[in-house]
Amino acid sequence: MTRMTSILNLFLTLFLTMASGLLACDADTNRCDAFVDYVCDCDPSTDCDSLQATYENASVEEQDQCELELNDLQAQADVDTGFECQATAR
């Protein structure tokens, strides 16, 4: 029984180490960057500096919202014009 417990503990430790590594990598990515790039590239009337400042340190919830809004904007652009604006990296 102790050998099985040791093996389970090893697998659990490995899993938690890998999971925390993945979360750390994901924490460096702000999903609002793609939203800001898309809006700024596709709508010249946007105050990009203000929009960028608003989402610079976005929470996870705000990043989820950015992702949803970006998907909606891209889908609507396809429906309205048949063309999807391609955001460029800043």
PDB file of N, CA and C in Angstrom:
ATOM      1  N   MET A   1       0.812  -1.195   0.000  1.00  0.00           N
ATOM      2  CA  MET A   1       0.000   0.000   0.000  1.00  0.00           C
ATOM      3  C   MET A   1       0.862   1.269   0.000  1.00  0.00           C
ATOM      4  N   THR A   2       1.971   1.277   0.697  1.00  0.00           N
ATOM      5  CA  THR A   2       2.813   2.464   0.735  1.00  0.00           C
ATOM      6  C   THR A   2       3.479   2.722  -0.607  1.00  0.00           C
ATOM      7  N   ARG A   3       3.789   1.685  -1.363  1.00  0.00           N
ATOM      8  CA  ARG A   3       4.372   1.877  -2.691  1.00  0.00           C
ATOM      9  C   ARG A   3       3.349   2.558  -3.609  1.00  0.00           C
ATOM     10  N   MET A   4       2.117   2.127  -3.533  1.00  0.00           N
ATOM     11  CA  MET A   4       1.061   2.728  -4.341  1.00  0.00           C
ATOM     12  C   MET A   4       0.845   4.189  -3.945  1.00  0.00           C
ATOM     13  N   THR A   5       0.882   4.466  -2.673  1.00  0.00           N
ATOM     14  CA  THR A   5       0.738   5.834  -2.192  1.00  0.00           C
ATOM     15  C   THR A   5       1.885   6.706  -2.696  1.00  0.00           C
ATOM     16  N   SER A   6       3.093   6.174  -2.684  1.00  0.00           N
ATOM     17  CA  SER A   6       4.248   6.921  -3.184  1.00  0.00           C
ATOM     18  C   SER A   6       4.112   7.226  -4.668  1.00  0.00           C
ATOM     19  N   ILE A   7       3.628   6.286  -5.419  1.00  0.00           N
ATOM     20  CA  ILE A   7       3.446   6.488  -6.861  1.00  0.00           C
ATOM     21  C   ILE A   7       2.365   7.533  -7.117  1.00  0.00           C
ATOM     22  N   LEU A   8       1.272   7.454  -6.381  1.00  0.00           N
ATOM     23  CA  LEU A   8       0.203   8.441  -6.527  1.00  0.00           C
ATOM     24  C   LEU A   8       0.688   9.835  -6.140  1.00  0.00           C
ATOM     25  N   ASN A   9       1.464   9.927  -5.081  1.00  0.00           N
ATOM     26  CA  ASN A   9       2.012  11.223  -4.678  1.00  0.00           C
ATOM     27  C   ASN A   9       2.949  11.779  -5.746  1.00  0.00           C
ATOM     28  N   LEU A  10       3.732  10.927  -6.363  1.00  0.00           N
ATOM     29  CA  LEU A  10       4.635  11.352  -7.420  1.00  0.00           C
ATOM     30  C   LEU A  10       3.838  11.898  -8.604  1.00  0.00           C
ATOM     31  N   PHE A  11       2.818  11.169  -9.026  1.00  0.00           N
ATOM     32  CA  PHE A  11       1.992  11.632 -10.140  1.00  0.00           C
ATOM     33  C   PHE A  11       1.269  12.934  -9.805  1.00  0.00           C
ATOM     34  N   LEU A  12       0.783  13.034  -8.588  1.00  0.00           N
ATOM     35  CA  LEU A  12       0.108  14.254  -8.163  1.00  0.00           C
ATOM     36  C   LEU A  12       1.071  15.439  -8.175  1.00  0.00           C
ATOM     37  N   THR A  13       2.269  15.229  -7.690  1.00  0.00           N
ATOM     38  CA  THR A  13       3.280  16.289  -7.690  1.00  0.00           C
ATOM     39  C   THR A  13       3.627  16.707  -9.108  1.00  0.00           C
ATOM     40  N   LEU A  14       3.825  15.740  -9.994  1.00  0.00           N
ATOM     41  CA  LEU A  14       4.128  16.051 -11.384  1.00  0.00           C
ATOM     42  C   LEU A  14       2.985  16.822 -12.037  1.00  0.00           C
ATOM     43  N   PHE A  15       1.767  16.386 -11.806  1.00  0.00           N
ATOM     44  CA  PHE A  15       0.606  17.055 -12.380  1.00  0.00           C
ATOM     45  C   PHE A  15       0.504  18.497 -11.896  1.00  0.00           C
ATOM     46  N   LEU A  16       0.643  18.709 -10.602  1.00  0.00           N
ATOM     47  CA  LEU A  16       0.534  20.067 -10.054  1.00  0.00           C
ATOM     48  C   LEU A  16       1.660  20.961 -10.559  1.00  0.00           C
ATOM     49  N   THR A  17       2.843  20.411 -10.713  1.00  0.00           N
ATOM     50  CA  THR A  17       3.968  21.189 -11.244  1.00  0.00           C
ATOM     51  C   THR A  17       3.695  21.606 -12.678  1.00  0.00           C
ATOM     52  N   MET A  18       3.209  20.688 -13.489  1.00  0.00           N
ATOM     53  CA  MET A  18       2.905  21.006 -14.883  1.00  0.00           C
ATOM     54  C   MET A  18       1.759  22.006 -14.971  1.00  0.00           C
ATOM     55  N   ALA A  19       0.732  21.825 -14.167  1.00  0.00           N
ATOM     56  CA  ALA A  19      -0.418  22.725 -14.200  1.00  0.00           C
ATOM     57  C   ALA A  19      -0.025  24.138 -13.783  1.00  0.00           C
ATOM     58  N   SER A  20       0.786  24.265 -12.758  1.00  0.00           N
ATOM     59  CA  SER A  20       1.200  25.602 -12.327  1.00  0.00           C
ATOM     60  C   SER A  20       2.093  26.257 -13.368  1.00  0.00           C
ATOM     61  N   GLY A  21       2.886  25.471 -14.076  1.00  0.00           N
ATOM     62  CA  GLY A  21       3.706  26.010 -15.155  1.00  0.00           C
ATOM     63  C   GLY A  21       2.853  26.529 -16.295  1.00  0.00           C
ATOM     64  N   LEU A  22       1.808  25.821 -16.635  1.00  0.00           N
ATOM     65  CA  LEU A  22       0.905  26.272 -17.690  1.00  0.00           C
ATOM     66  C   LEU A  22       0.174  27.533 -17.282  1.00  0.00           C
ATOM     67  N   LEU A  23      -0.251  27.611 -16.051  1.00  0.00           N
ATOM     68  CA  LEU A  23      -0.938  28.812 -15.582  1.00  0.00           C
ATOM     69  C   LEU A  23       0.001  30.008 -15.569  1.00  0.00           C
ATOM     70  N   ALA A  24       1.240  29.797 -15.223  1.00  0.00           N
ATOM     71  CA  ALA A  24       2.207  30.895 -15.207  1.00  0.00           C
ATOM     72  C   ALA A  24       2.436  31.421 -16.614  1.00  0.00           C
ATOM     73  N   CYS A  25       2.501  30.544 -17.593  1.00  0.00           N
ATOM     74  CA  CYS A  25       2.678  30.977 -18.978  1.00  0.00           C
ATOM     75  C   CYS A  25       1.465  31.762 -19.458  1.00  0.00           C
ATOM     76  N   ASP A  26       0.285  31.293 -19.107  1.00  0.00           N
ATOM     77  CA  ASP A  26      -0.942  31.943 -19.539  1.00  0.00           C
ATOM     78  C   ASP A  26      -1.100  33.315 -18.891  1.00  0.00           C
ATOM     79  N   ALA A  27      -0.554  33.478 -17.690  1.00  0.00           N
ATOM     80  CA  ALA A  27      -0.682  34.748 -16.976  1.00  0.00           C
ATOM     81  C   ALA A  27       0.051  35.873 -17.695  1.00  0.00           C
ATOM     82  N   ASP A  28       1.047  35.547 -18.511  1.00  0.00           N
ATOM     83  CA  ASP A  28       1.796  36.566 -19.232  1.00  0.00           C
ATOM     84  C   ASP A  28       1.044  37.090 -20.448  1.00  0.00           C
ATOM     85  N   THR A  29       0.008  36.397 -20.868  1.00  0.00           N
ATOM     86  CA  THR A  29      -0.733  36.775 -22.063  1.00  0.00           C
ATOM     87  C   THR A  29      -1.990  37.540 -21.673  1.00  0.00           C
ATOM     88  N   ASN A  30      -2.135  38.728 -22.217  1.00  0.00           N
ATOM     89  CA  ASN A  30      -3.338  39.520 -21.993  1.00  0.00           C
ATOM     90  C   ASN A  30      -4.195  39.394 -23.256  1.00  0.00           C
ATOM     91  N   ARG A  31      -5.304  38.675 -23.126  1.00  0.00           N
ATOM     92  CA  ARG A  31      -6.162  38.432 -24.286  1.00  0.00           C
ATOM     93  C   ARG A  31      -6.850  39.693 -24.783  1.00  0.00           C
ATOM     94  N   CYS A  32      -6.801  40.770 -24.003  1.00  0.00           N
ATOM     95  CA  CYS A  32      -7.381  42.033 -24.454  1.00  0.00           C
ATOM     96  C   CYS A  32      -6.504  42.710 -25.500  1.00  0.00           C
ATOM     97  N   ASP A  33      -5.233  42.324 -25.590  1.00  0.00           N
ATOM     98  CA  ASP A  33      -4.346  42.912 -26.602  1.00  0.00           C
ATOM     99  C   ASP A  33      -4.896  42.690 -28.007  1.00  0.00           C
ATOM    100  N   ALA A  34      -5.393  41.493 -28.286  1.00  0.00           N
ATOM    101  CA  ALA A  34      -5.945  41.192 -29.612  1.00  0.00           C
ATOM    102  C   ALA A  34      -7.205  42.018 -29.865  1.00  0.00           C
ATOM    103  N   PHE A  35      -8.031  42.189 -28.832  1.00  0.00           N
ATOM    104  CA  PHE A  35      -9.231  43.009 -28.948  1.00  0.00           C
ATOM    105  C   PHE A  35      -8.867  44.456 -29.261  1.00  0.00           C
ATOM    106  N   VAL A  36      -7.923  45.007 -28.506  1.00  0.00           N
ATOM    107  CA  VAL A  36      -7.497  46.392 -28.713  1.00  0.00           C
ATOM    108  C   VAL A  36      -6.903  46.567 -30.113  1.00  0.00           C
ATOM    109  N   ASP A  37      -6.047  45.638 -30.521  1.00  0.00           N
ATOM    110  CA  ASP A  37      -5.451  45.713 -31.866  1.00  0.00           C
ATOM    111  C   ASP A  37      -6.527  45.699 -32.947  1.00  0.00           C
ATOM    112  N   TYR A  38      -7.487  44.810 -32.798  1.00  0.00           N
ATOM    113  CA  TYR A  38      -8.549  44.681 -33.797  1.00  0.00           C
ATOM    114  C   TYR A  38      -9.362  45.970 -33.889  1.00  0.00           C
ATOM    115  N   VAL A  39      -9.805  46.490 -32.747  1.00  0.00           N
ATOM    116  CA  VAL A  39     -10.632  47.697 -32.736  1.00  0.00           C
ATOM    117  C   VAL A  39      -9.849  48.879 -33.297  1.00  0.00           C
ATOM    118  N   CYS A  40      -8.595  49.029 -32.891  1.00  0.00           N
ATOM    119  CA  CYS A  40      -7.791  50.162 -33.353  1.00  0.00           C
ATOM    120  C   CYS A  40      -7.492  50.073 -34.848  1.00  0.00           C
ATOM    121  N   ASP A  41      -7.255  48.876 -35.358  1.00  0.00           N
ATOM    122  CA  ASP A  41      -6.982  48.704 -36.785  1.00  0.00           C
ATOM    123  C   ASP A  41      -8.231  48.871 -37.639  1.00  0.00           C
ATOM    124  N   CYS A  42      -9.375  48.503 -37.095  1.00  0.00           N
ATOM    125  CA  CYS A  42     -10.591  48.485 -37.900  1.00  0.00           C
ATOM    126  C   CYS A  42     -11.457  49.734 -37.753  1.00  0.00           C
ATOM    127  N   ASP A  43     -11.232  50.502 -36.715  1.00  0.00           N
ATOM    128  CA  ASP A  43     -12.035  51.706 -36.497  1.00  0.00           C
ATOM    129  C   ASP A  43     -11.110  52.884 -36.213  1.00  0.00           C
ATOM    130  N   PRO A  44     -10.811  53.676 -37.244  1.00  0.00           N
ATOM    131  CA  PRO A  44      -9.867  54.783 -37.076  1.00  0.00           C
ATOM    132  C   PRO A  44     -10.328  55.856 -36.091  1.00  0.00           C
ATOM    133  N   SER A  45     -11.597  55.889 -35.740  1.00  0.00           N
ATOM    134  CA  SER A  45     -12.084  56.904 -34.812  1.00  0.00           C
ATOM    135  C   SER A  45     -11.839  56.525 -33.345  1.00  0.00           C
ATOM    136  N   THR A  46     -11.330  55.334 -33.110  1.00  0.00           N
ATOM    137  CA  THR A  46     -11.091  54.860 -31.748  1.00  0.00           C
ATOM    138  C   THR A  46      -9.913  55.580 -31.110  1.00  0.00           C
ATOM    139  N   ASP A  47     -10.056  55.952 -29.850  1.00  0.00           N
ATOM    140  CA  ASP A  47      -8.951  56.512 -29.068  1.00  0.00           C
ATOM    141  C   ASP A  47      -8.135  55.322 -28.543  1.00  0.00           C
ATOM    142  N   CYS A  48      -7.167  54.913 -29.350  1.00  0.00           N
ATOM    143  CA  CYS A  48      -6.409  53.688 -29.051  1.00  0.00           C
ATOM    144  C   CYS A  48      -5.585  53.787 -27.777  1.00  0.00           C
ATOM    145  N   ASP A  49      -5.030  54.950 -27.494  1.00  0.00           N
ATOM    146  CA  ASP A  49      -4.241  55.099 -26.274  1.00  0.00           C
ATOM    147  C   ASP A  49      -5.107  54.867 -25.040  1.00  0.00           C
ATOM    148  N   SER A  50      -6.304  55.426 -25.055  1.00  0.00           N
ATOM    149  CA  SER A  50      -7.222  55.255 -23.938  1.00  0.00           C
ATOM    150  C   SER A  50      -7.672  53.802 -23.820  1.00  0.00           C
ATOM    151  N   LEU A  51      -8.006  53.189 -24.946  1.00  0.00           N
ATOM    152  CA  LEU A  51      -8.446  51.792 -24.945  1.00  0.00           C
ATOM    153  C   LEU A  51      -7.328  50.880 -24.444  1.00  0.00           C
ATOM    154  N   GLN A  52      -6.125  51.140 -24.898  1.00  0.00           N
ATOM    155  CA  GLN A  52      -4.980  50.335 -24.478  1.00  0.00           C
ATOM    156  C   GLN A  52      -4.743  50.492 -22.974  1.00  0.00           C
ATOM    157  N   ALA A  53      -4.841  51.711 -22.467  1.00  0.00           N
ATOM    158  CA  ALA A  53      -4.653  51.952 -21.038  1.00  0.00           C
ATOM    159  C   ALA A  53      -5.745  51.265 -20.219  1.00  0.00           C
ATOM    160  N   THR A  54      -6.959  51.250 -20.747  1.00  0.00           N
ATOM    161  CA  THR A  54      -8.077  50.625 -20.044  1.00  0.00           C
ATOM    162  C   THR A  54      -7.841  49.139 -19.821  1.00  0.00           C
ATOM    163  N   TYR A  55      -7.293  48.461 -20.820  1.00  0.00           N
ATOM    164  CA  TYR A  55      -7.150  47.007 -20.756  1.00  0.00           C
ATOM    165  C   TYR A  55      -5.710  46.538 -20.514  1.00  0.00           C
ATOM    166  N   GLU A  56      -4.817  47.462 -20.165  1.00  0.00           N
ATOM    167  CA  GLU A  56      -3.407  47.103 -19.989  1.00  0.00           C
ATOM    168  C   GLU A  56      -3.202  46.031 -18.923  1.00  0.00           C
ATOM    169  N   ASN A  57      -3.872  46.159 -17.806  1.00  0.00           N
ATOM    170  CA  ASN A  57      -3.749  45.190 -16.717  1.00  0.00           C
ATOM    171  C   ASN A  57      -5.093  44.516 -16.468  1.00  0.00           C
ATOM    172  N   ALA A  58      -5.678  44.000 -17.526  1.00  0.00           N
ATOM    173  CA  ALA A  58      -7.028  43.430 -17.450  1.00  0.00           C
ATOM    174  C   ALA A  58      -7.072  42.203 -16.541  1.00  0.00           C
ATOM    175  N   SER A  59      -8.142  42.130 -15.768  1.00  0.00           N
ATOM    176  CA  SER A  59      -8.380  40.952 -14.933  1.00  0.00           C
ATOM    177  C   SER A  59      -8.780  39.781 -15.826  1.00  0.00           C
ATOM    178  N   VAL A  60      -8.852  38.618 -15.253  1.00  0.00           N
ATOM    179  CA  VAL A  60      -9.258  37.430 -16.006  1.00  0.00           C
ATOM    180  C   VAL A  60     -10.668  37.616 -16.557  1.00  0.00           C
ATOM    181  N   GLU A  61     -11.548  38.201 -15.748  1.00  0.00           N
ATOM    182  CA  GLU A  61     -12.923  38.432 -16.194  1.00  0.00           C
ATOM    183  C   GLU A  61     -12.963  39.420 -17.364  1.00  0.00           C
ATOM    184  N   GLU A  62     -12.165  40.475 -17.275  1.00  0.00           N
ATOM    185  CA  GLU A  62     -12.111  41.442 -18.371  1.00  0.00           C
ATOM    186  C   GLU A  62     -11.533  40.807 -19.632  1.00  0.00           C
ATOM    187  N   GLN A  63     -10.545  39.932 -19.460  1.00  0.00           N
ATOM    188  CA  GLN A  63      -9.971  39.254 -20.620  1.00  0.00           C
ATOM    189  C   GLN A  63     -10.988  38.317 -21.266  1.00  0.00           C
ATOM    190  N   ASP A  64     -11.786  37.656 -20.446  1.00  0.00           N
ATOM    191  CA  ASP A  64     -12.864  36.822 -20.991  1.00  0.00           C
ATOM    192  C   ASP A  64     -13.826  37.678 -21.809  1.00  0.00           C
ATOM    193  N   GLN A  65     -14.173  38.847 -21.274  1.00  0.00           N
ATOM    194  CA  GLN A  65     -15.091  39.750 -21.976  1.00  0.00           C
ATOM    195  C   GLN A  65     -14.469  40.262 -23.274  1.00  0.00           C
ATOM    196  N   CYS A  66     -13.190  40.597 -23.244  1.00  0.00           N
ATOM    197  CA  CYS A  66     -12.490  41.043 -24.460  1.00  0.00           C
ATOM    198  C   CYS A  66     -12.549  39.965 -25.539  1.00  0.00           C
ATOM    199  N   GLU A  67     -12.319  38.735 -25.126  1.00  0.00           N
ATOM    200  CA  GLU A  67     -12.334  37.630 -26.078  1.00  0.00           C
ATOM    201  C   GLU A  67     -13.718  37.457 -26.707  1.00  0.00           C
ATOM    202  N   LEU A  68     -14.755  37.556 -25.871  1.00  0.00           N
ATOM    203  CA  LEU A  68     -16.123  37.450 -26.383  1.00  0.00           C
ATOM    204  C   LEU A  68     -16.448  38.599 -27.337  1.00  0.00           C
ATOM    205  N   GLU A  69     -16.078  39.813 -26.949  1.00  0.00           N
ATOM    206  CA  GLU A  69     -16.355  40.969 -27.801  1.00  0.00           C
ATOM    207  C   GLU A  69     -15.591  40.896 -29.113  1.00  0.00           C
ATOM    208  N   LEU A  70     -14.350  40.430 -29.074  1.00  0.00           N
ATOM    209  CA  LEU A  70     -13.572  40.285 -30.297  1.00  0.00           C
ATOM    210  C   LEU A  70     -14.224  39.272 -31.225  1.00  0.00           C
ATOM    211  N   ASN A  71     -14.645  38.146 -30.675  1.00  0.00           N
ATOM    212  CA  ASN A  71     -15.332  37.138 -31.491  1.00  0.00           C
ATOM    213  C   ASN A  71     -16.599  37.703 -32.121  1.00  0.00           C
ATOM    214  N   ASP A  72     -17.365  38.473 -31.341  1.00  0.00           N
ATOM    215  CA  ASP A  72     -18.591  39.085 -31.865  1.00  0.00           C
ATOM    216  C   ASP A  72     -18.286  40.091 -32.968  1.00  0.00           C
ATOM    217  N   LEU A  73     -17.269  40.932 -32.747  1.00  0.00           N
ATOM    218  CA  LEU A  73     -16.899  41.923 -33.763  1.00  0.00           C
ATOM    219  C   LEU A  73     -16.455  41.251 -35.066  1.00  0.00           C
ATOM    220  N   GLN A  74     -15.656  40.218 -34.935  1.00  0.00           N
ATOM    221  CA  GLN A  74     -15.179  39.519 -36.130  1.00  0.00           C
ATOM    222  C   GLN A  74     -16.324  38.833 -36.859  1.00  0.00           C
ATOM    223  N   ALA A  75     -17.232  38.222 -36.125  1.00  0.00           N
ATOM    224  CA  ALA A  75     -18.376  37.564 -36.745  1.00  0.00           C
ATOM    225  C   ALA A  75     -19.284  38.583 -37.420  1.00  0.00           C
ATOM    226  N   GLN A  76     -19.513  39.725 -36.777  1.00  0.00           N
ATOM    227  CA  GLN A  76     -20.366  40.764 -37.347  1.00  0.00           C
ATOM    228  C   GLN A  76     -19.746  41.361 -38.600  1.00  0.00           C
ATOM    229  N   ALA A  77     -18.417  41.535 -38.596  1.00  0.00           N
ATOM    230  CA  ALA A  77     -17.738  42.066 -39.785  1.00  0.00           C
ATOM    231  C   ALA A  77     -17.927  41.116 -40.954  1.00  0.00           C
ATOM    232  N   ASP A  78     -17.860  39.827 -40.703  1.00  0.00           N
ATOM    233  CA  ASP A  78     -18.067  38.847 -41.760  1.00  0.00           C
ATOM    234  C   ASP A  78     -19.490  38.917 -42.310  1.00  0.00           C
ATOM    235  N   VAL A  79     -20.475  39.073 -41.420  1.00  0.00           N
ATOM    236  CA  VAL A  79     -21.877  39.129 -41.832  1.00  0.00           C
ATOM    237  C   VAL A  79     -22.153  40.417 -42.605  1.00  0.00           C
ATOM    238  N   ASP A  80     -21.663  41.550 -42.081  1.00  0.00           N
ATOM    239  CA  ASP A  80     -21.956  42.850 -42.687  1.00  0.00           C
ATOM    240  C   ASP A  80     -21.256  43.057 -44.023  1.00  0.00           C
ATOM    241  N   THR A  81     -20.018  42.656 -44.107  1.00  0.00           N
ATOM    242  CA  THR A  81     -19.227  43.027 -45.293  1.00  0.00           C
ATOM    243  C   THR A  81     -18.619  41.829 -46.027  1.00  0.00           C
ATOM    244  N   GLY A  82     -18.662  40.682 -45.391  1.00  0.00           N
ATOM    245  CA  GLY A  82     -17.986  39.546 -46.005  1.00  0.00           C
ATOM    246  C   GLY A  82     -16.477  39.650 -45.876  1.00  0.00           C
ATOM    247  N   PHE A  83     -16.017  40.621 -45.122  1.00  0.00           N
ATOM    248  CA  PHE A  83     -14.586  40.857 -44.954  1.00  0.00           C
ATOM    249  C   PHE A  83     -14.272  40.921 -43.477  1.00  0.00           C
ATOM    250  N   GLU A  84     -13.216  40.279 -43.074  1.00  0.00           N
ATOM    251  CA  GLU A  84     -12.785  40.338 -41.683  1.00  0.00           C
ATOM    252  C   GLU A  84     -11.551  41.212 -41.576  1.00  0.00           C
ATOM    253  N   CYS A  85     -11.640  42.244 -40.772  1.00  0.00           N
ATOM    254  CA  CYS A  85     -10.499  43.129 -40.567  1.00  0.00           C
ATOM    255  C   CYS A  85      -9.391  42.339 -39.886  1.00  0.00           C
ATOM    256  N   GLN A  86      -8.192  42.423 -40.395  1.00  0.00           N
ATOM    257  CA  GLN A  86      -7.066  41.716 -39.819  1.00  0.00           C
ATOM    258  C   GLN A  86      -6.242  42.689 -38.987  1.00  0.00           C
ATOM    259  N   ALA A  87      -6.239  42.472 -37.686  1.00  0.00           N
ATOM    260  CA  ALA A  87      -5.448  43.334 -36.796  1.00  0.00           C
ATOM    261  C   ALA A  87      -3.980  43.008 -36.970  1.00  0.00           C
ATOM    262  N   THR A  88      -3.170  44.020 -36.899  1.00  0.00           N
ATOM    263  CA  THR A  88      -1.726  43.833 -36.997  1.00  0.00           C
ATOM    264  C   THR A  88      -1.107  44.008 -35.622  1.00  0.00           C
ATOM    265  N   ALA A  89       0.029  43.422 -35.413  1.00  0.00           N
ATOM    266  CA  ALA A  89       0.726  43.557 -34.133  1.00  0.00           C
ATOM    267  C   ALA A  89       1.235  44.967 -33.954  1.00  0.00           C
ATOM    268  N   ARG A  90       1.142  45.471 -32.781  1.00  0.00           N
ATOM    269  CA  ARG A  90       1.627  46.835 -32.496  1.00  0.00           C
ATOM    270  C   ARG A  90       3.004  46.761 -31.915  1.00  0.00           C
TER     271      ARG A  90
END
